Amino acid sequence: MFEDILIKINEMFPESYFGSSIGQYAVFFGILILFAVIGKIIYFVMKNQVRRLTAKTKTELDDMLVDIVEEPLVLLVIVIGLFIGFRFLTPDSEFLLWFFDKLVSSLIVATVAWFAVRLIDVIIKHYLIPLADKTDSKLDDQLIPILSKGLKIALISLAGIIVLNGFGYDVTALIAGLGIGGLAVAFAAQDTIANLFGGVAIFVDKPFTIGDRVQFKGVDATVTQVGIRTTKLKDFENQFITVPNSLISKDIITNVSMAKPRRIKFKLGVVYGTTQKKLMKAKELIEKAVAEVNGTVPEKTKVTFDAFADSSLELQIMYFLSKTDDYLRIKDEVNFKIMELFEKEKLEFAYPTQTVYLQK
């Protein structure tokens, strides 16, 4: 039956190129377009209809299967159409037959690799990330992105080796050549290698984890991601900062989040006309202001009459925070509270002044 169809097509369109008639080429492209449309229809149905059905079920398994097969299935349908359509061609070149066979094999390998990559994404999204969220340690949160990238790179590399091997390349010799060439690349990529070792040092020493607020070289930001090569942070202006791991591993890092409780220490001056009774009242008001702000540790607050300064009676204030990540908010509220209480008691803050005595 298949041969009869070919004979009729050749009778209708006798003119041929590379062993196949124009009619055969028309049938080949027609089948390819048809299967591409079928693939698009399957994708549309899965995206809109199947997902609605799976969303109503209690299990997540069906949702996971849809996530895995949704897009790679379209490529698989097109590959099937390519395979069927080529059967209608009769190329007179052995090279074309060999190349097409390897092309179809490579596309199948690529489709399988795509399925596998999406399977990794689904497993990490539905299993590993929820599992990591339940643990107190943040190390697993840092390792999951690296594990995901590592597995994907390994899969894609394996697929590439299989494809190259299928096209007749000596993969063993290629890998050996890459090993020799790696020495030259190592010299050219010293910074990258330094960053990789810096990343390893961060994972081993754990000077910080995701969510910690750190300070180094003028940077004051929260760690959002720790990678093999770089660390990503977000500052208080919501700007994202990417820092090479080699710089972090060499620098002195202050982990603000690990300072529990964090201490705030500053000095405050009142005018010299303040009486002893008023000065004692000022100390009480400062302690009260700290205690009334959420996120402080009132029992650790210390206010002392520190010095007879040039222009003021100087008080030294020291208090501690129970919420280190809320540092700016707490400091702001404490300062405003001190101002409010001082204004009610008519206590005056000092400013630089000089008294000049004239002697006749």
Protein backbone atom coordinates (compact mmCIF):
# COMPACT_ATOMS: atom_id res chain seq x y z
CA MET A 1 0.00 0.00 0.00
CA PHE A 2 2.82 2.39 0.92
CA GLU A 3 4.62 1.65 -2.37
CA ASP A 4 1.40 2.20 -4.32
CA ILE A 5 1.01 5.64 -2.77
CA LEU A 6 4.59 6.53 -3.75
CA ILE A 7 4.01 5.38 -7.34
CA LYS A 8 0.86 7.53 -7.65
CA ILE A 9 2.64 10.57 -6.19
CA ASN A 10 5.55 10.15 -8.64
CA GLU A 11 3.15 9.81 -11.56
CA MET A 12 1.45 13.06 -10.59
CA PHE A 13 4.73 14.95 -9.94
CA PRO A 14 7.46 13.24 -11.99
CA GLU A 15 10.14 15.93 -11.62
CA SER A 16 12.67 14.85 -8.94
CA TYR A 17 15.59 16.27 -6.95
CA PHE A 18 18.14 14.15 -5.05
CA GLY A 19 16.13 11.00 -5.81
CA SER A 20 12.71 12.26 -4.62
CA SER A 21 9.95 13.91 -6.63
CA ILE A 22 8.37 17.26 -5.83
CA GLY A 23 5.22 15.38 -4.77
CA GLN A 24 7.22 13.36 -2.27
CA TYR A 25 8.72 16.52 -0.79
CA ALA A 26 5.22 18.02 -0.59
CA VAL A 27 3.94 14.95 1.28
CA PHE A 28 7.00 15.04 3.60
CA PHE A 29 6.47 18.69 4.59
CA GLY A 30 2.71 18.19 4.76
CA ILE A 31 3.11 15.35 7.26
CA LEU A 32 5.66 17.41 9.25
CA ILE A 33 3.27 20.38 9.45
CA LEU A 34 0.37 18.06 10.34
CA PHE A 35 2.25 16.53 13.27
CA ALA A 36 3.42 19.98 14.39
CA VAL A 37 -0.25 21.08 14.50
CA ILE A 38 -1.15 17.87 16.37
CA GLY A 39 1.62 18.60 18.87
CA LYS A 40 0.31 22.16 19.32
CA ILE A 41 -3.22 20.84 19.88
CA ILE A 42 -1.95 18.33 22.45
CA TYR A 43 -0.08 21.12 24.24
CA PHE A 44 -3.19 23.34 24.25
CA VAL A 45 -5.40 20.53 25.59
CA MET A 46 -2.91 19.66 28.34
CA LYS A 47 -2.38 23.31 29.26
CA ASN A 48 -6.06 24.19 29.51
CA GLN A 49 -8.15 21.05 29.90
CA VAL A 50 -5.96 18.40 31.52
CA ARG A 51 -4.54 20.85 34.07
CA ARG A 52 -8.07 21.80 35.15
CA LEU A 53 -8.91 18.14 35.74
CA THR A 54 -5.70 17.38 37.64
CA ALA A 55 -6.18 20.50 39.79
CA LYS A 56 -9.42 19.00 41.13
CA THR A 57 -7.78 15.77 42.34
CA LYS A 58 -6.29 15.40 45.82
CA THR A 59 -3.04 13.81 44.69
CA GLU A 60 -0.17 15.82 43.23
CA LEU A 61 1.11 12.92 41.13
CA ASP A 62 -1.06 13.75 38.11
CA ASP A 63 -0.02 17.42 38.27
CA MET A 64 3.62 16.33 38.34
CA LEU A 65 3.15 14.07 35.31
CA VAL A 66 1.57 16.94 33.36
CA ASP A 67 4.51 19.22 34.30
CA ILE A 68 6.97 16.60 33.06
CA VAL A 69 5.41 15.62 29.71
CA GLU A 70 3.66 18.86 28.70
CA GLU A 71 6.29 20.47 26.43
CA PRO A 72 8.65 17.55 25.60
CA LEU A 73 5.62 15.63 24.29
CA VAL A 74 5.21 18.24 21.55
CA LEU A 75 8.80 17.66 20.40
CA LEU A 76 8.26 13.89 20.48
CA VAL A 77 5.16 14.21 18.26
CA ILE A 78 7.15 16.32 15.75
CA VAL A 79 9.97 13.73 15.75
CA ILE A 80 7.41 11.00 15.00
CA GLY A 81 6.06 13.13 12.14
CA LEU A 82 9.62 13.61 10.84
CA PHE A 83 10.21 9.87 10.92
CA ILE A 84 6.93 9.03 9.12
CA GLY A 85 7.35 11.82 6.57
CA PHE A 86 10.86 10.72 5.62
CA ARG A 87 9.52 7.28 4.67
CA PHE A 88 7.85 8.97 1.68
CA LEU A 89 11.26 10.19 0.42
CA THR A 90 13.64 8.07 -1.66
CA PRO A 91 16.99 9.89 -1.49
CA ASP A 92 19.68 8.62 -3.84
CA SER A 93 22.45 9.49 -1.35
CA GLU A 94 23.71 7.12 1.34
CA PHE A 95 24.89 10.14 3.32
CA LEU A 96 21.36 11.60 3.47
CA LEU A 97 19.97 8.28 4.72
CA TRP A 98 22.73 8.04 7.35
CA PHE A 99 22.36 11.70 8.41
CA PHE A 100 18.58 11.45 8.76
CA ASP A 101 18.87 8.30 10.85
CA LYS A 102 21.35 10.02 13.19
CA LEU A 103 19.24 13.18 13.29
CA VAL A 104 16.13 11.30 14.41
CA SER A 105 18.18 9.39 17.01
CA SER A 106 19.65 12.67 18.32
CA LEU A 107 16.22 14.28 18.59
CA ILE A 108 14.95 11.26 20.53
CA VAL A 109 17.93 11.54 22.92
CA ALA A 110 17.24 15.28 23.28
CA THR A 111 13.57 14.57 24.07
CA VAL A 112 14.47 11.98 26.70
CA ALA A 113 16.99 14.41 28.23
CA TRP A 114 14.31 17.11 28.30
CA PHE A 115 11.93 14.73 30.08
CA ALA A 116 14.67 13.96 32.62
CA VAL A 117 15.49 17.63 33.24
CA ARG A 118 11.83 18.44 33.85
CA LEU A 119 11.58 15.40 36.13
CA ILE A 120 14.43 16.83 38.22
CA ASP A 121 12.64 20.19 38.43
CA VAL A 122 9.40 18.51 39.54
CA ILE A 123 11.09 16.33 42.18
CA ILE A 124 12.96 19.32 43.61
CA LYS A 125 9.88 21.56 43.55
CA HIS A 126 7.40 19.07 45.05
CA TYR A 127 9.65 17.05 47.36
CA LEU A 128 13.08 18.49 48.16
CA ILE A 129 12.12 22.16 48.70
CA PRO A 130 9.15 21.35 51.03
CA LEU A 131 11.42 18.91 52.89
CA ALA A 132 14.13 21.57 53.25
CA ASP A 133 11.58 24.12 54.51
CA LYS A 134 10.73 21.79 57.42
CA THR A 135 14.32 21.62 58.68
CA ASP A 136 15.94 24.21 60.95
CA SER A 137 19.22 24.15 59.02
CA LYS A 138 19.62 26.49 56.06
CA LEU A 139 22.42 24.43 54.53
CA ASP A 140 19.97 22.30 52.56
CA ASP A 141 18.38 25.48 51.15
CA GLN A 142 21.82 26.42 49.80
CA LEU A 143 22.59 22.95 48.43
CA ILE A 144 19.30 22.41 46.54
CA PRO A 145 20.00 24.98 43.74
CA ILE A 146 23.52 23.56 43.30
CA LEU A 147 22.20 19.98 43.25
CA SER A 148 19.60 20.96 40.66
CA LYS A 149 22.15 22.67 38.38
CA GLY A 150 24.67 19.85 38.81
CA LEU A 151 22.20 17.12 37.85
CA LYS A 152 20.98 19.09 34.83
CA ILE A 153 24.52 19.75 33.60
CA ALA A 154 25.36 16.05 34.04
CA LEU A 155 22.27 14.98 32.07
CA ILE A 156 22.85 17.45 29.24
CA SER A 157 26.52 16.45 29.06
CA LEU A 158 25.56 12.75 28.89
CA ALA A 159 23.04 13.48 26.13
CA GLY A 160 25.68 15.45 24.22
CA ILE A 161 28.16 12.57 24.49
CA ILE A 162 25.55 10.07 23.22
CA VAL A 163 24.70 12.32 20.25
CA LEU A 164 28.36 12.87 19.35
CA ASN A 165 29.04 9.16 19.66
CA GLY A 166 26.06 8.47 17.37
CA PHE A 167 27.51 10.77 14.70
CA GLY A 168 30.76 8.80 14.79
CA TYR A 169 32.96 11.04 16.92
CA ASP A 170 35.52 9.33 19.13
CA VAL A 171 34.21 10.54 22.49
CA THR A 172 37.09 8.95 24.43
CA ALA A 173 39.67 10.87 22.40
CA LEU A 174 37.57 14.03 22.74
CA ILE A 175 37.46 13.75 26.54
CA ALA A 176 41.19 13.07 26.65
CA GLY A 177 41.79 16.13 24.47
CA LEU A 178 39.66 18.19 26.80
CA GLY A 179 41.78 16.96 29.71
CA ILE A 180 44.96 18.21 28.04
CA GLY A 181 43.30 21.42 26.95
CA GLY A 182 41.99 21.85 30.48
CA LEU A 183 45.45 22.87 31.63
CA ALA A 184 45.43 25.81 29.24
CA VAL A 185 41.88 26.68 30.20
CA ALA A 186 42.82 26.58 33.89
CA PHE A 187 45.36 29.36 33.39
CA ALA A 188 42.80 31.42 31.50
CA ALA A 189 40.11 30.82 34.12
CA GLN A 190 42.04 31.43 37.33
CA ASP A 191 39.36 33.81 38.64
CA THR A 192 36.61 31.28 37.99
CA ILE A 193 38.57 28.54 39.77
CA ALA A 194 39.24 30.89 42.68
CA ASN A 195 35.51 31.59 42.89
CA LEU A 196 34.75 27.85 42.89
CA PHE A 197 37.15 27.24 45.76
CA GLY A 198 35.70 30.28 47.52
CA GLY A 199 32.25 28.72 47.18
CA VAL A 200 33.52 25.47 48.69
CA ALA A 201 35.05 27.44 51.58
CA ILE A 202 31.72 29.16 52.24
CA PHE A 203 29.89 25.82 52.34
CA VAL A 204 32.48 24.26 54.64
CA ASP A 205 33.04 27.19 57.05
CA LYS A 206 29.42 28.48 56.87
CA PRO A 207 30.18 32.13 57.78
CA PHE A 208 26.57 32.84 56.76
CA THR A 209 23.49 31.12 55.38
CA ILE A 210 20.52 32.23 53.26
CA GLY A 211 18.55 34.94 55.04
CA ASP A 212 21.48 36.24 57.10
CA ARG A 213 22.33 39.93 57.07
CA VAL A 214 26.05 40.44 56.44
CA GLN A 215 28.46 43.37 56.19
CA PHE A 216 31.77 43.46 54.27
CA LYS A 217 33.65 46.03 52.15
CA GLY A 218 30.90 48.62 52.48
CA VAL A 219 28.15 46.12 51.59
CA ASP A 220 25.27 45.75 54.05
CA ALA A 221 22.73 43.28 52.67
CA THR A 222 20.78 40.04 53.14
CA VAL A 223 22.01 36.80 51.56
CA THR A 224 19.46 35.44 49.05
CA GLN A 225 21.46 32.73 47.28
CA VAL A 226 24.84 31.03 47.72
CA GLY A 227 26.17 29.47 44.53
CA ILE A 228 29.32 27.66 43.50
CA ARG A 229 30.78 30.76 41.81
CA THR A 230 28.93 33.77 43.24
CA THR A 231 26.82 34.84 46.20
CA LYS A 232 23.71 36.95 45.63
CA LEU A 233 22.50 39.51 48.17
CA LYS A 234 19.71 42.10 48.45
CA ASP A 235 20.32 45.42 50.20
CA PHE A 236 17.85 47.68 52.00
CA GLU A 237 17.01 49.49 48.75
CA ASN A 238 15.93 46.15 47.19
CA GLN A 239 18.92 46.19 44.88
CA PHE A 240 20.43 42.80 44.06
CA ILE A 241 24.18 42.45 44.49
CA THR A 242 26.26 39.62 43.00
CA VAL A 243 29.65 39.10 44.63
CA PRO A 244 32.33 36.60 43.49
CA ASN A 245 32.97 33.99 46.16
CA SER A 246 36.73 34.57 45.97
CA LEU A 247 36.25 38.12 47.31
CA ILE A 248 33.99 36.96 50.14
CA SER A 249 36.34 34.17 51.20
CA LYS A 250 39.23 36.66 51.48
CA ASP A 251 37.39 39.48 53.24
CA ILE A 252 36.42 40.03 56.87
CA ILE A 253 32.68 39.34 57.13
CA THR A 254 30.39 40.58 59.87
CA ASN A 255 27.32 38.37 60.24
CA VAL A 256 24.83 40.75 61.82
CA SER A 257 22.12 38.08 62.13
CA MET A 258 24.33 35.87 64.29
CA ALA A 259 24.75 38.64 66.87
CA LYS A 260 21.93 37.64 69.25
CA PRO A 261 21.03 39.86 70.96
CA ARG A 262 22.59 42.79 69.09
CA ARG A 263 23.80 45.79 71.09
CA ILE A 264 23.16 49.44 70.25
CA LYS A 265 25.34 51.97 72.03
CA PHE A 266 25.32 55.75 71.71
CA LYS A 267 25.73 58.97 73.70
CA LEU A 268 23.19 61.70 74.32
CA GLY A 269 23.79 65.12 75.86
CA VAL A 270 21.48 67.38 77.88
CA VAL A 271 22.14 71.03 78.65
CA TYR A 272 24.24 72.05 81.66
CA GLY A 273 21.29 73.77 83.30
CA THR A 274 19.66 70.37 83.95
CA THR A 275 19.32 69.64 87.67
CA GLN A 276 20.38 66.38 89.27
CA LYS A 277 16.73 65.41 89.74
CA LYS A 278 15.98 66.10 86.08
CA LEU A 279 19.04 64.13 85.02
CA MET A 280 17.84 61.10 86.99
CA LYS A 281 14.44 61.56 85.35
CA ALA A 282 16.12 61.58 81.93
CA LYS A 283 17.71 58.22 82.68
CA GLU A 284 14.33 56.77 83.69
CA LEU A 285 12.67 58.12 80.52
CA ILE A 286 15.32 56.57 78.26
CA GLU A 287 14.89 53.18 79.94
CA LYS A 288 11.11 53.53 79.56
CA ALA A 289 11.44 54.45 75.87
CA VAL A 290 13.52 51.34 75.16
CA ALA A 291 11.13 49.09 77.09
CA GLU A 292 8.08 50.33 75.17
CA VAL A 293 9.51 49.42 71.74
CA ASN A 294 8.84 45.89 70.50
CA GLY A 295 12.02 43.94 69.72
CA THR A 296 14.24 45.18 72.58
CA VAL A 297 15.49 43.40 75.73
CA PRO A 298 14.52 45.92 78.46
CA GLU A 299 16.22 44.11 81.35
CA LYS A 300 19.62 44.57 79.67
CA THR A 301 19.27 48.31 79.10
CA LYS A 302 21.93 50.45 80.79
CA VAL A 303 21.86 54.25 81.00
CA THR A 304 24.75 55.93 82.83
CA PHE A 305 25.85 59.51 83.53
CA ASP A 306 29.04 59.25 81.55
CA ALA A 307 30.82 62.60 81.51
CA PHE A 308 30.84 66.35 82.02
CA ALA A 309 31.45 67.11 78.37
CA ASP A 310 32.39 70.47 76.88
CA SER A 311 28.83 71.46 76.01
CA SER A 312 26.63 68.92 77.79
CA LEU A 313 25.99 66.52 80.60
CA GLU A 314 26.61 63.30 78.66
CA LEU A 315 24.55 60.14 79.09
CA GLN A 316 25.68 56.83 77.65
CA ILE A 317 22.86 54.55 76.47
CA MET A 318 23.27 50.85 75.75
CA TYR A 319 20.39 48.52 74.89
CA PHE A 320 19.97 45.16 73.16
CA LEU A 321 17.72 43.86 70.38
CA SER A 322 15.86 40.56 70.35
CA LYS A 323 15.05 40.97 66.63
CA THR A 324 18.34 41.64 64.89
CA ASP A 325 16.84 41.69 61.38
CA ASP A 326 14.59 44.61 62.43
CA TYR A 327 17.52 46.79 63.49
CA LEU A 328 16.60 50.00 61.63
CA ARG A 329 12.94 49.95 62.66
CA ILE A 330 13.76 49.43 66.36
CA LYS A 331 16.45 52.10 66.42
CA ASP A 332 14.10 54.56 64.72
CA GLU A 333 11.25 53.92 67.18
CA VAL A 334 13.50 54.14 70.25
CA ASN A 335 14.94 57.49 69.14
CA PHE A 336 11.50 58.95 68.45
CA LYS A 337 10.21 57.64 71.79
CA ILE A 338 13.09 59.32 73.63
CA MET A 339 12.31 62.61 71.87
CA GLU A 340 8.62 62.33 72.74
CA LEU A 341 9.24 61.68 76.45
CA PHE A 342 11.91 64.39 76.70
CA GLU A 343 9.57 66.96 75.15
CA LYS A 344 6.82 66.11 77.65
CA GLU A 345 9.22 66.61 80.57
CA LYS A 346 10.75 69.70 78.93
CA LEU A 347 14.24 68.20 78.97
CA GLU A 348 16.58 69.96 76.56
CA PHE A 349 19.08 68.23 74.30
CA ALA A 350 22.49 69.90 74.29
CA TYR A 351 24.24 71.36 71.30
CA PRO A 352 27.79 72.77 71.00
CA THR A 353 28.04 76.04 72.96
CA GLN A 354 30.75 78.24 74.45
CA THR A 355 30.64 80.50 77.49
CA VAL A 356 32.96 83.52 77.35
CA TYR A 357 34.02 85.22 80.61
CA LEU A 358 35.28 88.81 80.40
CA GLN A 359 37.62 89.97 83.20
CA LYS A 360 38.40 93.66 83.81
